[in-house]
Amino acid sequence: MFKTAIGRLRIVGFYEGISFLVLLLIAMPLKYWAELPQMVTIVGGLHGLLFTLYGFALLHVWIKHRWSFLKVLAAFIAAFVPFGTFVSDAKLLRNHT
């Protein structure tokens, strides 16, 4: 799966989606309810790295596979929605592997 641009996008998208959910559902509640702000720092930094990698992987797919602007925009917006990268993977990416 790492051998193709779309395969890399799918893998990075999966981990980016997981990190976003961990940030929202575990780290943020720990910050406010258990007064552990360092969890957001750690998970947030990892999520930021994965989000950046997702952006680069999406750019690579856009260039290599000549996706339309709207398709790329939909995949990018999906990264801002909880479970969005999983839906993006199911709807946009599976047809192109």
PDB file of N, CA and C in Angstrom:
ATOM      1  N   MET A   1       0.816  -1.198   0.000  1.00  0.00           N
ATOM      2  CA  MET A   1       0.000   0.000   0.000  1.00  0.00           C
ATOM      3  C   MET A   1       0.864   1.269   0.000  1.00  0.00           C
ATOM      4  N   PHE A   2       2.066   1.183   0.551  1.00  0.00           N
ATOM      5  CA  PHE A   2       2.958   2.345   0.571  1.00  0.00           C
ATOM      6  C   PHE A   2       3.548   2.652  -0.807  1.00  0.00           C
ATOM      7  N   LYS A   3       3.367   1.753  -1.757  1.00  0.00           N
ATOM      8  CA  LYS A   3       4.014   1.905  -3.051  1.00  0.00           C
ATOM      9  C   LYS A   3       3.331   2.903  -3.967  1.00  0.00           C
ATOM     10  N   THR A   4       2.069   3.227  -3.703  1.00  0.00           N
ATOM     11  CA  THR A   4       1.350   4.160  -4.566  1.00  0.00           C
ATOM     12  C   THR A   4       1.017   5.431  -3.807  1.00  0.00           C
ATOM     13  N   ALA A   5       0.803   6.508  -4.548  1.00  0.00           N
ATOM     14  CA  ALA A   5       0.457   7.785  -3.917  1.00  0.00           C
ATOM     15  C   ALA A   5      -0.885   7.684  -3.193  1.00  0.00           C
ATOM     16  N   ILE A   6      -1.842   7.011  -3.799  1.00  0.00           N
ATOM     17  CA  ILE A   6      -3.152   6.864  -3.159  1.00  0.00           C
ATOM     18  C   ILE A   6      -3.048   5.955  -1.938  1.00  0.00           C
ATOM     19  N   GLY A   7      -2.235   4.922  -2.020  1.00  0.00           N
ATOM     20  CA  GLY A   7      -2.027   4.059  -0.861  1.00  0.00           C
ATOM     21  C   GLY A   7      -1.444   4.814   0.314  1.00  0.00           C
ATOM     22  N   ARG A   8      -0.473   5.660   0.031  1.00  0.00           N
ATOM     23  CA  ARG A   8       0.117   6.484   1.106  1.00  0.00           C
ATOM     24  C   ARG A   8      -0.913   7.449   1.672  1.00  0.00           C
ATOM     25  N   LEU A   9      -1.732   8.044   0.804  1.00  0.00           N
ATOM     26  CA  LEU A   9      -2.779   8.956   1.277  1.00  0.00           C
ATOM     27  C   LEU A   9      -3.760   8.223   2.177  1.00  0.00           C
ATOM     28  N   ARG A  10      -4.138   7.016   1.797  1.00  0.00           N
ATOM     29  CA  ARG A  10      -5.079   6.240   2.608  1.00  0.00           C
ATOM     30  C   ARG A  10      -4.495   5.922   3.981  1.00  0.00           C
ATOM     31  N   ILE A  11      -3.227   5.526   4.014  1.00  0.00           N
ATOM     32  CA  ILE A  11      -2.597   5.182   5.293  1.00  0.00           C
ATOM     33  C   ILE A  11      -2.460   6.412   6.175  1.00  0.00           C
ATOM     34  N   VAL A  12      -1.944   7.493   5.619  1.00  0.00           N
ATOM     35  CA  VAL A  12      -1.782   8.724   6.405  1.00  0.00           C
ATOM     36  C   VAL A  12      -3.149   9.242   6.837  1.00  0.00           C
ATOM     37  N   GLY A  13      -4.141   9.160   5.965  1.00  0.00           N
ATOM     38  CA  GLY A  13      -5.493   9.594   6.307  1.00  0.00           C
ATOM     39  C   GLY A  13      -6.074   8.793   7.459  1.00  0.00           C
ATOM     40  N   PHE A  14      -5.806   7.491   7.478  1.00  0.00           N
ATOM     41  CA  PHE A  14      -6.278   6.645   8.572  1.00  0.00           C
ATOM     42  C   PHE A  14      -5.672   7.094   9.897  1.00  0.00           C
ATOM     43  N   TYR A  15      -4.356   7.256   9.918  1.00  0.00           N
ATOM     44  CA  TYR A  15      -3.695   7.653  11.167  1.00  0.00           C
ATOM     45  C   TYR A  15      -4.029   9.094  11.556  1.00  0.00           C
ATOM     46  N   GLU A  16      -4.213   9.960  10.586  1.00  0.00           N
ATOM     47  CA  GLU A  16      -4.621  11.341  10.882  1.00  0.00           C
ATOM     48  C   GLU A  16      -6.016  11.336  11.513  1.00  0.00           C
ATOM     49  N   GLY A  17      -6.908  10.521  10.975  1.00  0.00           N
ATOM     50  CA  GLY A  17      -8.255  10.424  11.534  1.00  0.00           C
ATOM     51  C   GLY A  17      -8.261   9.877  12.950  1.00  0.00           C
ATOM     52  N   ILE A  18      -7.438   8.857  13.187  1.00  0.00           N
ATOM     53  CA  ILE A  18      -7.323   8.301  14.536  1.00  0.00           C
ATOM     54  C   ILE A  18      -6.780   9.351  15.498  1.00  0.00           C
ATOM     55  N   SER A  19      -5.739  10.064  15.086  1.00  0.00           N
ATOM     56  CA  SER A  19      -5.145  11.065  15.981  1.00  0.00           C
ATOM     57  C   SER A  19      -6.129  12.190  16.288  1.00  0.00           C
ATOM     58  N   PHE A  20      -6.962  12.557  15.304  1.00  0.00           N
ATOM     59  CA  PHE A  20      -7.971  13.593  15.523  1.00  0.00           C
ATOM     60  C   PHE A  20      -8.999  13.131  16.550  1.00  0.00           C
ATOM     61  N   LEU A  21      -9.445  11.872  16.423  1.00  0.00           N
ATOM     62  CA  LEU A  21     -10.412  11.338  17.388  1.00  0.00           C
ATOM     63  C   LEU A  21      -9.811  11.223  18.779  1.00  0.00           C
ATOM     64  N   VAL A  22      -8.563  10.796  18.869  1.00  0.00           N
ATOM     65  CA  VAL A  22      -7.898  10.717  20.174  1.00  0.00           C
ATOM     66  C   VAL A  22      -7.775  12.113  20.784  1.00  0.00           C
ATOM     67  N   LEU A  23      -7.448  13.081  19.959  1.00  0.00           N
ATOM     68  CA  LEU A  23      -7.347  14.462  20.445  1.00  0.00           C
ATOM     69  C   LEU A  23      -8.687  14.955  20.979  1.00  0.00           C
ATOM     70  N   LEU A  24      -9.744  14.736  20.207  1.00  0.00           N
ATOM     71  CA  LEU A  24     -11.064  15.228  20.603  1.00  0.00           C
ATOM     72  C   LEU A  24     -11.692  14.446  21.747  1.00  0.00           C
ATOM     73  N   LEU A  25     -11.572  13.124  21.712  1.00  0.00           N
ATOM     74  CA  LEU A  25     -12.318  12.283  22.640  1.00  0.00           C
ATOM     75  C   LEU A  25     -11.549  11.850  23.882  1.00  0.00           C
ATOM     76  N   ILE A  26     -10.225  11.960  23.833  1.00  0.00           N
ATOM     77  CA  ILE A  26      -9.438  11.545  25.002  1.00  0.00           C
ATOM     78  C   ILE A  26      -8.621  12.702  25.565  1.00  0.00           C
ATOM     79  N   ALA A  27      -7.799  13.331  24.724  1.00  0.00           N
ATOM     80  CA  ALA A  27      -6.884  14.359  25.225  1.00  0.00           C
ATOM     81  C   ALA A  27      -7.623  15.605  25.711  1.00  0.00           C
ATOM     82  N   MET A  28      -8.599  16.069  24.941  1.00  0.00           N
ATOM     83  CA  MET A  28      -9.327  17.284  25.371  1.00  0.00           C
ATOM     84  C   MET A  28     -10.103  17.064  26.675  1.00  0.00           C
ATOM     85  N   PRO A  29     -10.848  15.963  26.807  1.00  0.00           N
ATOM     86  CA  PRO A  29     -11.491  15.740  28.109  1.00  0.00           C
ATOM     87  C   PRO A  29     -10.488  15.622  29.265  1.00  0.00           C
ATOM     88  N   LEU A  30      -9.340  14.988  29.007  1.00  0.00           N
ATOM     89  CA  LEU A  30      -8.333  14.904  30.069  1.00  0.00           C
ATOM     90  C   LEU A  30      -7.802  16.283  30.437  1.00  0.00           C
ATOM     91  N   LYS A  31      -7.701  17.150  29.466  1.00  0.00           N
ATOM     92  CA  LYS A  31      -7.217  18.507  29.739  1.00  0.00           C
ATOM     93  C   LYS A  31      -8.178  19.249  30.662  1.00  0.00           C
ATOM     94  N   TYR A  32      -9.461  19.171  30.364  1.00  0.00           N
ATOM     95  CA  TYR A  32     -10.427  19.978  31.104  1.00  0.00           C
ATOM     96  C   TYR A  32     -11.003  19.277  32.327  1.00  0.00           C
ATOM     97  N   TRP A  33     -11.141  17.977  32.298  1.00  0.00           N
ATOM     98  CA  TRP A  33     -11.752  17.277  33.433  1.00  0.00           C
ATOM     99  C   TRP A  33     -10.720  16.739  34.413  1.00  0.00           C
ATOM    100  N   ALA A  34      -9.552  16.356  33.925  1.00  0.00           N
ATOM    101  CA  ALA A  34      -8.532  15.800  34.806  1.00  0.00           C
ATOM    102  C   ALA A  34      -7.342  16.739  34.982  1.00  0.00           C
ATOM    103  N   GLU A  35      -7.444  17.916  34.384  1.00  0.00           N
ATOM    104  CA  GLU A  35      -6.394  18.925  34.469  1.00  0.00           C
ATOM    105  C   GLU A  35      -5.029  18.365  34.040  1.00  0.00           C
ATOM    106  N   LEU A  36      -5.035  17.722  32.865  1.00  0.00           N
ATOM    107  CA  LEU A  36      -3.808  17.180  32.281  1.00  0.00           C
ATOM    108  C   LEU A  36      -3.580  17.820  30.910  1.00  0.00           C
ATOM    109  N   PRO A  37      -3.173  19.090  30.885  1.00  0.00           N
ATOM    110  CA  PRO A  37      -3.004  19.770  29.591  1.00  0.00           C
ATOM    111  C   PRO A  37      -1.874  19.196  28.743  1.00  0.00           C
ATOM    112  N   GLN A  38      -0.932  18.480  29.350  1.00  0.00           N
ATOM    113  CA  GLN A  38       0.171  17.921  28.578  1.00  0.00           C
ATOM    114  C   GLN A  38      -0.314  16.877  27.581  1.00  0.00           C
ATOM    115  N   MET A  39      -1.467  16.268  27.808  1.00  0.00           N
ATOM    116  CA  MET A  39      -2.008  15.292  26.856  1.00  0.00           C
ATOM    117  C   MET A  39      -2.348  15.961  25.527  1.00  0.00           C
ATOM    118  N   VAL A  40      -2.914  17.153  25.600  1.00  0.00           N
ATOM    119  CA  VAL A  40      -3.238  17.889  24.375  1.00  0.00           C
ATOM    120  C   VAL A  40      -1.957  18.301  23.668  1.00  0.00           C
ATOM    121  N   THR A  41      -0.946  18.652  24.416  1.00  0.00           N
ATOM    122  CA  THR A  41       0.336  19.033  23.824  1.00  0.00           C
ATOM    123  C   THR A  41       0.937  17.865  23.049  1.00  0.00           C
ATOM    124  N   ILE A  42       0.933  16.703  23.651  1.00  0.00           N
ATOM    125  CA  ILE A  42       1.531  15.528  23.018  1.00  0.00           C
ATOM    126  C   ILE A  42       0.700  15.066  21.822  1.00  0.00           C
ATOM    127  N   VAL A  43      -0.584  14.824  22.059  1.00  0.00           N
ATOM    128  CA  VAL A  43      -1.450  14.317  20.986  1.00  0.00           C
ATOM    129  C   VAL A  43      -1.642  15.382  19.911  1.00  0.00           C
ATOM    130  N   GLY A  44      -1.744  16.632  20.324  1.00  0.00           N
ATOM    131  CA  GLY A  44      -1.900  17.719  19.359  1.00  0.00           C
ATOM    132  C   GLY A  44      -0.701  17.862  18.443  1.00  0.00           C
ATOM    133  N   GLY A  45       0.482  17.700  18.985  1.00  0.00           N
ATOM    134  CA  GLY A  45       1.689  17.759  18.157  1.00  0.00           C
ATOM    135  C   GLY A  45       1.750  16.620  17.154  1.00  0.00           C
ATOM    136  N   LEU A  46       1.413  15.425  17.614  1.00  0.00           N
ATOM    137  CA  LEU A  46       1.383  14.272  16.720  1.00  0.00           C
ATOM    138  C   LEU A  46       0.310  14.453  15.638  1.00  0.00           C
ATOM    139  N   HIS A  47      -0.849  14.933  16.048  1.00  0.00           N
ATOM    140  CA  HIS A  47      -1.920  15.175  15.085  1.00  0.00           C
ATOM    141  C   HIS A  47      -1.505  16.241  14.063  1.00  0.00           C
ATOM    142  N   GLY A  48      -0.846  17.271  14.512  1.00  0.00           N
ATOM    143  CA  GLY A  48      -0.372  18.310  13.592  1.00  0.00           C
ATOM    144  C   GLY A  48       0.592  17.763  12.556  1.00  0.00           C
ATOM    145  N   LEU A  49       1.494  16.899  12.980  1.00  0.00           N
ATOM    146  CA  LEU A  49       2.423  16.257  12.054  1.00  0.00           C
ATOM    147  C   LEU A  49       1.666  15.394  11.045  1.00  0.00           C
ATOM    148  N   LEU A  50       0.729  14.595  11.524  1.00  0.00           N
ATOM    149  CA  LEU A  50      -0.039  13.728  10.633  1.00  0.00           C
ATOM    150  C   LEU A  50      -0.926  14.540   9.691  1.00  0.00           C
ATOM    151  N   PHE A  51      -1.479  15.644  10.161  1.00  0.00           N
ATOM    152  CA  PHE A  51      -2.288  16.506   9.307  1.00  0.00           C
ATOM    153  C   PHE A  51      -1.431  17.097   8.181  1.00  0.00           C
ATOM    154  N   THR A  52      -0.223  17.500   8.515  1.00  0.00           N
ATOM    155  CA  THR A  52       0.695  18.036   7.508  1.00  0.00           C
ATOM    156  C   THR A  52       1.065  16.961   6.487  1.00  0.00           C
ATOM    157  N   LEU A  53       1.357  15.765   6.961  1.00  0.00           N
ATOM    158  CA  LEU A  53       1.656  14.660   6.050  1.00  0.00           C
ATOM    159  C   LEU A  53       0.459  14.334   5.155  1.00  0.00           C
ATOM    160  N   TYR A  54      -0.736  14.415   5.711  1.00  0.00           N
ATOM    161  CA  TYR A  54      -1.951  14.188   4.928  1.00  0.00           C
ATOM    162  C   TYR A  54      -2.059  15.237   3.821  1.00  0.00           C
ATOM    163  N   GLY A  55      -1.775  16.476   4.144  1.00  0.00           N
ATOM    164  CA  GLY A  55      -1.807  17.539   3.136  1.00  0.00           C
ATOM    165  C   GLY A  55      -0.809  17.302   2.018  1.00  0.00           C
ATOM    166  N   PHE A  56       0.411  16.891   2.377  1.00  0.00           N
ATOM    167  CA  PHE A  56       1.417  16.599   1.354  1.00  0.00           C
ATOM    168  C   PHE A  56       1.029  15.376   0.518  1.00  0.00           C
ATOM    169  N   ALA A  57       0.490  14.358   1.171  1.00  0.00           N
ATOM    170  CA  ALA A  57       0.060  13.162   0.438  1.00  0.00           C
ATOM    171  C   ALA A  57      -1.086  13.500  -0.501  1.00  0.00           C
ATOM    172  N   LEU A  58      -1.992  14.346  -0.061  1.00  0.00           N
ATOM    173  CA  LEU A  58      -3.109  14.770  -0.911  1.00  0.00           C
ATOM    174  C   LEU A  58      -2.605  15.581  -2.097  1.00  0.00           C
ATOM    175  N   LEU A  59      -1.642  16.452  -1.869  1.00  0.00           N
ATOM    176  CA  LEU A  59      -1.038  17.226  -2.949  1.00  0.00           C
ATOM    177  C   LEU A  59      -0.369  16.300  -3.970  1.00  0.00           C
ATOM    178  N   HIS A  60       0.319  15.283  -3.487  1.00  0.00           N
ATOM    179  CA  HIS A  60       0.975  14.333  -4.379  1.00  0.00           C
ATOM    180  C   HIS A  60      -0.052  13.584  -5.237  1.00  0.00           C
ATOM    181  N   VAL A  61      -1.142  13.155  -4.620  1.00  0.00           N
ATOM    182  CA  VAL A  61      -2.203  12.470  -5.374  1.00  0.00           C
ATOM    183  C   VAL A  61      -2.821  13.417  -6.391  1.00  0.00           C
ATOM    184  N   TRP A  62      -3.032  14.655  -6.013  1.00  0.00           N
ATOM    185  CA  TRP A  62      -3.630  15.647  -6.907  1.00  0.00           C
ATOM    186  C   TRP A  62      -2.766  15.815  -8.163  1.00  0.00           C
ATOM    187  N   ILE A  63      -1.477  15.930  -7.966  1.00  0.00           N
ATOM    188  CA  ILE A  63      -0.564  16.117  -9.096  1.00  0.00           C
ATOM    189  C   ILE A  63      -0.450  14.836  -9.923  1.00  0.00           C
ATOM    190  N   LYS A  64      -0.245  13.716  -9.253  1.00  0.00           N
ATOM    191  CA  LYS A  64       0.015  12.466  -9.964  1.00  0.00           C
ATOM    192  C   LYS A  64      -1.226  11.923 -10.684  1.00  0.00           C
ATOM    193  N   HIS A  65      -2.377  12.008 -10.045  1.00  0.00           N
ATOM    194  CA  HIS A  65      -3.594  11.412 -10.606  1.00  0.00           C
ATOM    195  C   HIS A  65      -4.549  12.443 -11.216  1.00  0.00           C
ATOM    196  N   ARG A  66      -4.135  13.691 -11.181  1.00  0.00           N
ATOM    197  CA  ARG A  66      -4.911  14.783 -11.776  1.00  0.00           C
ATOM    198  C   ARG A  66      -6.357  14.813 -11.294  1.00  0.00           C
ATOM    199  N   TRP A  67      -6.502  14.706  -9.974  1.00  0.00           N
ATOM    200  CA  TRP A  67      -7.833  14.812  -9.394  1.00  0.00           C
ATOM    201  C   TRP A  67      -8.383  16.213  -9.639  1.00  0.00           C
ATOM    202  N   SER A  68      -9.700  16.322  -9.705  1.00  0.00           N
ATOM    203  CA  SER A  68     -10.329  17.635  -9.854  1.00  0.00           C
ATOM    204  C   SER A  68     -10.136  18.439  -8.566  1.00  0.00           C
ATOM    205  N   PHE A  69     -10.237  19.743  -8.707  1.00  0.00           N
ATOM    206  CA  PHE A  69     -10.092  20.615  -7.541  1.00  0.00           C
ATOM    207  C   PHE A  69     -11.148  20.291  -6.491  1.00  0.00           C
ATOM    208  N   LEU A  70     -12.381  20.022  -6.921  1.00  0.00           N
ATOM    209  CA  LEU A  70     -13.460  19.731  -5.970  1.00  0.00           C
ATOM    210  C   LEU A  70     -13.206  18.432  -5.210  1.00  0.00           C
ATOM    211  N   LYS A  71     -12.656  17.445  -5.865  1.00  0.00           N
ATOM    212  CA  LYS A  71     -12.348  16.184  -5.208  1.00  0.00           C
ATOM    213  C   LYS A  71     -11.252  16.376  -4.159  1.00  0.00           C
ATOM    214  N   VAL A  72     -10.242  17.141  -4.510  1.00  0.00           N
ATOM    215  CA  VAL A  72      -9.159  17.440  -3.565  1.00  0.00           C
ATOM    216  C   VAL A  72      -9.693  18.276  -2.405  1.00  0.00           C
ATOM    217  N   LEU A  73     -10.531  19.238  -2.716  1.00  0.00           N
ATOM    218  CA  LEU A  73     -11.120  20.079  -1.662  1.00  0.00           C
ATOM    219  C   LEU A  73     -11.962  19.239  -0.708  1.00  0.00           C
ATOM    220  N   ALA A  74     -12.744  18.315  -1.247  1.00  0.00           N
ATOM    221  CA  ALA A  74     -13.557  17.440  -0.398  1.00  0.00           C
ATOM    222  C   ALA A  74     -12.680  16.588   0.512  1.00  0.00           C
ATOM    223  N   ALA A  75     -11.596  16.043  -0.029  1.00  0.00           N
ATOM    224  CA  ALA A  75     -10.683  15.234   0.781  1.00  0.00           C
ATOM    225  C   ALA A  75      -9.986  16.089   1.839  1.00  0.00           C
ATOM    226  N   PHE A  76      -9.675  17.338   1.512  1.00  0.00           N
ATOM    227  CA  PHE A  76      -9.032  18.238   2.473  1.00  0.00           C
ATOM    228  C   PHE A  76     -10.001  18.628   3.589  1.00  0.00           C
ATOM    229  N   ILE A  77     -11.220  18.973   3.226  1.00  0.00           N
ATOM    230  CA  ILE A  77     -12.227  19.356   4.223  1.00  0.00           C
ATOM    231  C   ILE A  77     -12.532  18.180   5.144  1.00  0.00           C
ATOM    232  N   ALA A  78     -12.470  16.971   4.601  1.00  0.00           N
ATOM    233  CA  ALA A  78     -12.732  15.779   5.410  1.00  0.00           C
ATOM    234  C   ALA A  78     -11.793  15.689   6.611  1.00  0.00           C
ATOM    235  N   ALA A  79     -10.601  16.221   6.490  1.00  0.00           N
ATOM    236  CA  ALA A  79      -9.638  16.169   7.586  1.00  0.00           C
ATOM    237  C   ALA A  79     -10.045  17.060   8.764  1.00  0.00           C
ATOM    238  N   PHE A  80     -11.001  17.953   8.551  1.00  0.00           N
ATOM    239  CA  PHE A  80     -11.450  18.850   9.608  1.00  0.00           C
ATOM    240  C   PHE A  80     -12.698  18.341  10.322  1.00  0.00           C
ATOM    241  N   VAL A  81     -13.232  17.219   9.867  1.00  0.00           N
ATOM    242  CA  VAL A  81     -14.476  16.679  10.410  1.00  0.00           C
ATOM    243  C   VAL A  81     -14.161  15.355  11.103  1.00  0.00           C
ATOM    244  N   PRO A  82     -14.660  15.155  12.327  1.00  0.00           N
ATOM    245  CA  PRO A  82     -14.442  13.855  12.958  1.00  0.00           C
ATOM    246  C   PRO A  82     -14.974  12.726  12.065  1.00  0.00           C
ATOM    247  N   PHE A  83     -14.203  11.696  11.914  1.00  0.00           N
ATOM    248  CA  PHE A  83     -14.487  10.548  11.042  1.00  0.00           C
ATOM    249  C   PHE A  83     -14.436  10.914   9.556  1.00  0.00           C
ATOM    250  N   GLY A  84     -14.066  12.134   9.235  1.00  0.00           N
ATOM    251  CA  GLY A  84     -14.065  12.602   7.851  1.00  0.00           C
ATOM    252  C   GLY A  84     -13.090  11.879   6.951  1.00  0.00           C
ATOM    253  N   THR A  85     -11.900  11.593   7.453  1.00  0.00           N
ATOM    254  CA  THR A  85     -10.929  10.906   6.603  1.00  0.00           C
ATOM    255  C   THR A  85     -11.358   9.469   6.323  1.00  0.00           C
ATOM    256  N   PHE A  86     -12.116   8.880   7.231  1.00  0.00           N
ATOM    257  CA  PHE A  86     -12.611   7.521   7.008  1.00  0.00           C
ATOM    258  C   PHE A  86     -13.695   7.520   5.925  1.00  0.00           C
ATOM    259  N   VAL A  87     -14.559   8.519   5.967  1.00  0.00           N
ATOM    260  CA  VAL A  87     -15.594   8.655   4.932  1.00  0.00           C
ATOM    261  C   VAL A  87     -14.938   8.974   3.597  1.00  0.00           C
ATOM    262  N   SER A  88     -13.956   9.851   3.617  1.00  0.00           N
ATOM    263  CA  SER A  88     -13.216  10.195   2.404  1.00  0.00           C
ATOM    264  C   SER A  88     -12.572   8.954   1.799  1.00  0.00           C
ATOM    265  N   ASP A  89     -11.977   8.150   2.642  1.00  0.00           N
ATOM    266  CA  ASP A  89     -11.354   6.916   2.171  1.00  0.00           C
ATOM    267  C   ASP A  89     -12.396   6.016   1.508  1.00  0.00           C
ATOM    268  N   ALA A  90     -13.526   5.873   2.125  1.00  0.00           N
ATOM    269  CA  ALA A  90     -14.563   4.988   1.602  1.00  0.00           C
ATOM    270  C   ALA A  90     -15.141   5.511   0.287  1.00  0.00           C
ATOM    271  N   LYS A  91     -15.355   6.810   0.202  1.00  0.00           N
ATOM    272  CA  LYS A  91     -16.038   7.375  -0.969  1.00  0.00           C
ATOM    273  C   LYS A  91     -15.100   7.781  -2.096  1.00  0.00           C
ATOM    274  N   LEU A  92     -13.985   8.372  -1.781  1.00  0.00           N
ATOM    275  CA  LEU A  92     -13.123   8.931  -2.807  1.00  0.00           C
ATOM    276  C   LEU A  92     -11.971   8.028  -3.215  1.00  0.00           C
ATOM    277  N   LEU A  93     -11.403   7.329  -2.264  1.00  0.00           N
ATOM    278  CA  LEU A  93     -10.137   6.664  -2.518  1.00  0.00           C
ATOM    279  C   LEU A  93     -10.271   5.205  -2.946  1.00  0.00           C
ATOM    280  N   ARG A  94     -11.230   4.506  -2.450  1.00  0.00           N
ATOM    281  CA  ARG A  94     -11.324   3.069  -2.733  1.00  0.00           C
ATOM    282  C   ARG A  94     -11.526   2.787  -4.210  1.00  0.00           C
ATOM    283  N   ASN A  95     -12.143   3.699  -4.937  1.00  0.00           N
ATOM    284  CA  ASN A  95     -12.370   3.493  -6.360  1.00  0.00           C
ATOM    285  C   ASN A  95     -11.105   3.683  -7.191  1.00  0.00           C
ATOM    286  N   HIS A  96     -10.030   4.146  -6.574  1.00  0.00           N
ATOM    287  CA  HIS A  96      -8.821   4.480  -7.320  1.00  0.00           C
ATOM    288  C   HIS A  96      -7.617   3.636  -6.982  1.00  0.00           C
ATOM    289  N   THR A  97      -7.786   2.544  -6.249  1.00  0.00           N
ATOM    290  CA  THR A  97      -6.626   1.716  -5.922  1.00  0.00           C
ATOM    291  C   THR A  97      -6.474   0.596  -6.911  1.00  0.00           C
TER     292      THR A  97
END
